[in-house]
């Protein structure tokens, strides 16, 4: 289980989908960890992609972690949240040289509280909702449910040290397919300013940036209708330029 293998698995899935649905190309939407794989895919295999949509986009894992920490510390100080300040300043050298899942989880929890959008009802990561959806999904058996939960912990621990070294700037700045970024303005985990700056450095067959002003890391959940509308209005028409094969 490593990043190059995950990249090849992503390519394998795309080829499978193209074959199954008799398409020359497909749309790819990458979120968070998936956005690292999606950005690699659209750069290395544009011939398979109508368009790539990145949301909660990550470009450089280490740089992003530094930015999350720096912004969280500043907001904690500005809001006089002494508990947050005390904890965050106790781990001032962040991210740690050796990836520590527990520490990163704690920082992300503070970042969510300090930098994320105001709470409004049930969040995407609500554990009770996630487990309820998982158990009630007819596609999954109880064994699948158990494997999903166990796999989350396993994959995070195995992949995190390597993932922290990923820097998609190394792909280069030229992309030969349309790229769109759908970004929550209050994303506490993947800082929007980094993604915006990155988009200013790259060239693509077509490039668009769409802000979701009331969203954090999950605009497809936090602003569902707008997310759907933007996909239909901005992304779907791009298939017309590449007719599907018979």
Protein backbone atom coordinates (compact mmCIF):
# COMPACT_ATOMS: atom_id res chain seq x y z
CA UNK A 1 0.00 0.00 0.00
CA UNK A 2 1.80 3.09 -1.28
CA UNK A 3 1.14 6.21 -3.34
CA UNK A 4 2.44 4.88 -6.70
CA UNK A 5 0.25 1.81 -6.30
CA UNK A 6 -2.76 4.01 -5.49
CA UNK A 7 -2.07 6.02 -8.65
CA UNK A 8 -2.05 2.87 -10.74
CA UNK A 9 -5.22 1.66 -9.03
CA UNK A 10 -6.87 4.97 -9.97
CA UNK A 11 -5.86 4.50 -13.60
CA UNK A 12 -7.16 0.93 -13.49
CA UNK A 13 -10.56 2.08 -12.22
CA UNK A 14 -10.83 4.75 -14.93
CA UNK A 15 -10.00 2.24 -17.66
CA UNK A 16 -12.57 -0.16 -16.20
CA UNK A 17 -15.26 2.52 -16.21
CA UNK A 18 -14.48 3.57 -19.78
CA UNK A 19 -14.77 -0.07 -20.90
CA UNK A 20 -17.89 -0.84 -18.91
CA UNK A 21 -19.79 2.23 -20.05
CA UNK A 22 -18.30 2.31 -23.56
CA UNK A 23 -16.75 5.74 -23.21
CA UNK A 24 -13.53 7.19 -24.50
CA UNK A 25 -13.35 9.57 -21.56
CA UNK A 26 -15.01 10.16 -18.20
CA UNK A 27 -15.30 13.00 -15.70
CA UNK A 28 -13.21 12.69 -12.56
CA UNK A 29 -13.95 14.46 -9.29
CA UNK A 30 -11.25 14.18 -6.64
CA UNK A 31 -11.86 15.16 -3.01
CA UNK A 32 -9.20 15.58 -0.31
CA UNK A 33 -6.92 12.50 -0.50
CA UNK A 34 -8.65 11.64 -3.77
CA UNK A 35 -7.66 15.04 -5.13
CA UNK A 36 -3.99 14.07 -4.93
CA UNK A 37 -4.75 11.05 -7.10
CA UNK A 38 -7.05 13.02 -9.41
CA UNK A 39 -4.47 15.74 -10.09
CA UNK A 40 -1.90 13.09 -10.97
CA UNK A 41 -4.38 11.35 -13.24
CA UNK A 42 -5.41 14.43 -15.22
CA UNK A 43 -1.79 15.44 -15.71
CA UNK A 44 -0.51 12.01 -16.73
CA UNK A 45 -3.56 10.70 -18.61
CA UNK A 46 -5.55 13.62 -20.05
CA UNK A 47 -6.65 11.38 -22.92
CA UNK A 48 -9.04 9.65 -20.49
CA UNK A 49 -10.55 12.78 -18.94
CA UNK A 50 -13.37 15.05 -20.15
CA UNK A 51 -12.56 17.30 -17.19
CA UNK A 52 -11.15 17.09 -13.70
CA UNK A 53 -12.91 18.68 -10.72
CA UNK A 54 -10.88 19.12 -7.54
CA UNK A 55 -12.60 19.88 -4.25
CA UNK A 56 -10.81 20.07 -0.93
CA UNK A 57 -7.81 20.01 -3.25
CA UNK A 58 -4.39 19.11 -1.89
CA UNK A 59 -1.21 20.00 -3.76
CA UNK A 60 1.59 19.76 -1.22
CA UNK A 61 0.76 17.81 1.94
CA UNK A 62 3.55 19.21 4.10
CA UNK A 63 2.92 22.81 3.05
CA UNK A 64 -0.79 22.38 3.63
CA UNK A 65 -0.22 21.04 7.15
CA UNK A 66 2.01 24.01 7.94
CA UNK A 67 -0.64 26.42 6.67
CA UNK A 68 -3.43 24.73 8.66
CA UNK A 69 -1.35 24.96 11.82
CA UNK A 70 -0.27 28.57 11.26
CA UNK A 71 -3.80 29.77 10.50
CA UNK A 72 -5.25 27.86 13.47
CA UNK A 73 -2.70 29.36 15.87
CA UNK A 74 -3.40 32.87 14.59
CA UNK A 75 -7.16 32.44 14.89
CA UNK A 76 -6.81 30.95 18.38
CA UNK A 77 -4.86 34.01 19.47
CA UNK A 78 -7.23 36.44 17.76
CA UNK A 79 -10.26 34.82 19.40
CA UNK A 80 -8.50 34.49 22.78
CA UNK A 81 -9.08 30.75 22.86
CA UNK A 82 -6.54 30.00 25.57
CA UNK A 83 -7.10 26.25 25.51
CA UNK A 84 -6.36 26.09 21.79
CA UNK A 85 -3.37 28.41 22.10
CA UNK A 86 -1.90 26.32 24.90
CA UNK A 87 -2.22 23.05 22.98
CA UNK A 88 -1.08 24.37 19.61
CA UNK A 89 1.90 26.21 21.03
CA UNK A 90 2.93 23.01 22.83
CA UNK A 91 3.55 21.40 19.42
CA UNK A 92 5.09 24.46 17.79
CA UNK A 93 7.27 22.43 15.43
CA UNK A 94 4.51 21.24 13.13
CA UNK A 95 4.07 19.07 11.19
CA UNK A 96 6.36 16.65 13.06
CA UNK A 97 9.23 15.14 11.06
CA UNK A 98 7.71 11.71 11.56
CA UNK A 99 4.02 11.73 10.69
CA UNK A 100 1.96 11.32 13.86
CA UNK A 101 -1.68 10.50 13.15
CA UNK A 102 -2.85 11.32 16.68
CA UNK A 103 -1.23 14.76 16.69
CA UNK A 104 -2.48 15.59 13.22
CA UNK A 105 -5.97 14.52 14.21
CA UNK A 106 -5.88 16.84 17.22
CA UNK A 107 -4.65 19.76 15.11
CA UNK A 108 -7.38 19.13 12.56
CA UNK A 109 -10.02 19.11 15.29
CA UNK A 110 -8.85 22.49 16.50
CA UNK A 111 -8.65 23.75 12.91
CA UNK A 112 -12.22 22.67 12.30
CA UNK A 113 -13.39 24.58 15.36
CA UNK A 114 -11.29 27.67 14.66
CA UNK A 115 -11.30 27.92 10.86
CA UNK A 116 -14.30 25.95 9.61
CA UNK A 117 -17.75 27.29 8.76
CA UNK A 118 -20.24 27.89 11.59
CA UNK A 119 -21.99 24.65 12.59
CA UNK A 120 -25.36 24.27 10.91
CA UNK A 121 -27.11 21.02 11.67
CA UNK A 122 -25.57 17.63 11.12
CA UNK A 123 -22.06 17.75 9.67
CA UNK A 124 -20.70 15.46 6.98
CA UNK A 125 -18.34 13.75 9.40
CA UNK A 126 -20.99 13.12 12.07
CA UNK A 127 -20.08 9.61 13.24
CA UNK A 128 -23.65 8.56 14.02
CA UNK A 129 -24.84 9.58 10.55
CA UNK A 130 -21.92 7.91 8.80
CA UNK A 131 -22.42 4.63 10.64
CA UNK A 132 -26.17 4.74 10.05
CA UNK A 133 -25.65 5.29 6.32
CA UNK A 134 -23.07 2.53 6.20
CA UNK A 135 -25.15 -0.06 8.02
CA UNK A 136 -28.33 0.76 6.08
CA UNK A 137 -26.69 0.68 2.62
CA UNK A 138 -27.95 -2.46 0.83
CA UNK A 139 -24.74 -2.70 -1.19
CA UNK A 140 -22.69 -3.54 1.92
CA UNK A 141 -22.74 -6.57 4.18
CA UNK A 142 -21.86 -6.39 7.86
CA UNK A 143 -18.45 -7.78 6.96
CA UNK A 144 -18.03 -4.91 4.48
CA UNK A 145 -19.04 -2.43 7.17
CA UNK A 146 -16.43 -3.82 9.55
CA UNK A 147 -13.81 -3.79 6.82
CA UNK A 148 -14.60 -0.16 5.99
CA UNK A 149 -14.10 0.97 9.58
CA UNK A 150 -10.97 -1.11 10.08
CA UNK A 151 -9.57 0.00 6.73
CA UNK A 152 -9.82 3.67 7.65
CA UNK A 153 -7.39 3.23 10.50
CA UNK A 154 -5.12 0.80 8.66
CA UNK A 155 -4.73 2.89 5.50
CA UNK A 156 -4.21 6.15 7.41
CA UNK A 157 -1.39 4.71 9.49
CA UNK A 158 0.29 3.01 6.54
CA UNK A 159 -0.08 5.79 3.98
CA UNK A 160 0.29 8.96 6.05
CA UNK A 161 4.11 9.03 6.28
CA UNK A 162 4.45 8.66 2.52
CA UNK A 163 1.50 10.92 1.71
CA UNK A 164 3.10 13.74 3.70
CA UNK A 165 5.92 13.76 1.15
CA UNK A 166 3.63 14.17 -1.87
CA UNK A 167 4.11 17.43 -3.78
CA UNK A 168 2.03 17.74 -6.94
CA UNK A 169 3.94 20.86 -7.95
CA UNK A 170 6.49 18.39 -9.27
CA UNK A 171 4.04 17.32 -11.98
CA UNK A 172 4.69 20.56 -13.81
CA UNK A 173 2.42 23.48 -14.64
CA UNK A 174 0.94 22.37 -17.98
CA UNK A 175 -2.28 20.34 -18.06
CA UNK A 176 -3.86 19.11 -21.30
CA UNK A 177 -7.43 18.74 -20.06
CA UNK A 178 -9.99 21.08 -18.47
CA UNK A 179 -9.55 21.60 -14.73
CA UNK A 180 -12.05 23.09 -12.31
CA UNK A 181 -11.65 23.69 -8.59
CA UNK A 182 -14.77 23.75 -6.39
CA UNK A 183 -13.52 25.06 -3.06
CA UNK A 184 -15.13 25.82 0.28
CA UNK A 185 -14.05 29.26 1.43
CA UNK A 186 -13.82 28.02 5.04
CA UNK A 187 -12.02 24.72 4.45
CA UNK A 188 -10.10 24.11 7.69
CA UNK A 189 -8.08 21.15 6.40
CA UNK A 190 -7.01 22.21 2.89
CA UNK A 191 -6.42 25.92 3.08
CA UNK A 192 -8.20 27.74 0.24
CA UNK A 193 -5.47 30.36 -0.19
CA UNK A 194 -2.97 27.65 -1.11
CA UNK A 195 -5.30 26.19 -3.73
CA UNK A 196 -6.06 29.62 -5.19
CA UNK A 197 -2.34 30.43 -5.43
CA UNK A 198 -1.70 27.08 -7.12
CA UNK A 199 -4.33 27.71 -9.78
CA UNK A 200 -2.57 30.94 -10.71
CA UNK A 201 0.60 29.01 -11.56
CA UNK A 202 -0.82 26.34 -13.87
CA UNK A 203 -2.13 26.29 -17.42
CA UNK A 204 -4.88 23.97 -18.63
CA UNK A 205 -7.06 23.35 -21.66
CA UNK A 206 -9.68 25.20 -19.62
CA UNK A 207 -9.42 26.42 -16.04
CA UNK A 208 -12.09 27.61 -13.61
CA UNK A 209 -12.28 28.30 -9.89
CA UNK A 210 -15.63 28.24 -8.08
CA UNK A 211 -15.99 29.43 -4.49
CA UNK A 212 -18.51 27.93 -2.09
CA UNK A 213 -18.91 30.73 0.43
CA UNK A 214 -20.81 28.74 3.06
CA UNK A 215 -18.71 25.58 2.93
CA UNK A 216 -15.68 24.07 4.55
CA UNK A 217 -14.09 20.82 3.41
CA UNK A 218 -17.30 19.24 2.10
CA UNK A 219 -19.08 21.64 -0.29
CA UNK A 220 -20.85 18.71 -1.99
CA UNK A 221 -22.62 18.15 1.34
CA UNK A 222 -22.66 21.64 2.83
CA UNK A 223 -24.01 23.33 -0.33
CA UNK A 224 -25.52 20.39 -2.15
CA UNK A 225 -27.76 22.26 -4.56
CA UNK A 226 -25.10 24.72 -5.65
CA UNK A 227 -22.58 21.92 -6.08
CA UNK A 228 -24.99 20.02 -8.32
CA UNK A 229 -25.89 23.14 -10.29
CA UNK A 230 -22.23 24.00 -10.91
CA UNK A 231 -21.49 20.46 -12.10
CA UNK A 232 -24.43 20.56 -14.53
CA UNK A 233 -23.79 24.08 -15.79
CA UNK A 234 -19.99 24.21 -15.92
CA UNK A 235 -18.75 20.63 -16.14
CA UNK A 236 -21.29 18.53 -18.03
CA UNK A 237 -21.15 20.60 -21.26
CA UNK A 238 -17.45 19.76 -21.57
CA UNK A 239 -18.43 16.26 -22.67
CA UNK A 240 -19.93 17.72 -25.85
CA UNK A 241 -16.47 18.47 -27.13
CA UNK A 242 -15.49 14.81 -26.90
CA UNK A 243 -18.22 12.55 -28.30
CA UNK A 244 -18.50 9.15 -26.67
CA UNK A 245 -17.51 6.12 -28.70
CA UNK A 246 -20.21 3.80 -29.98
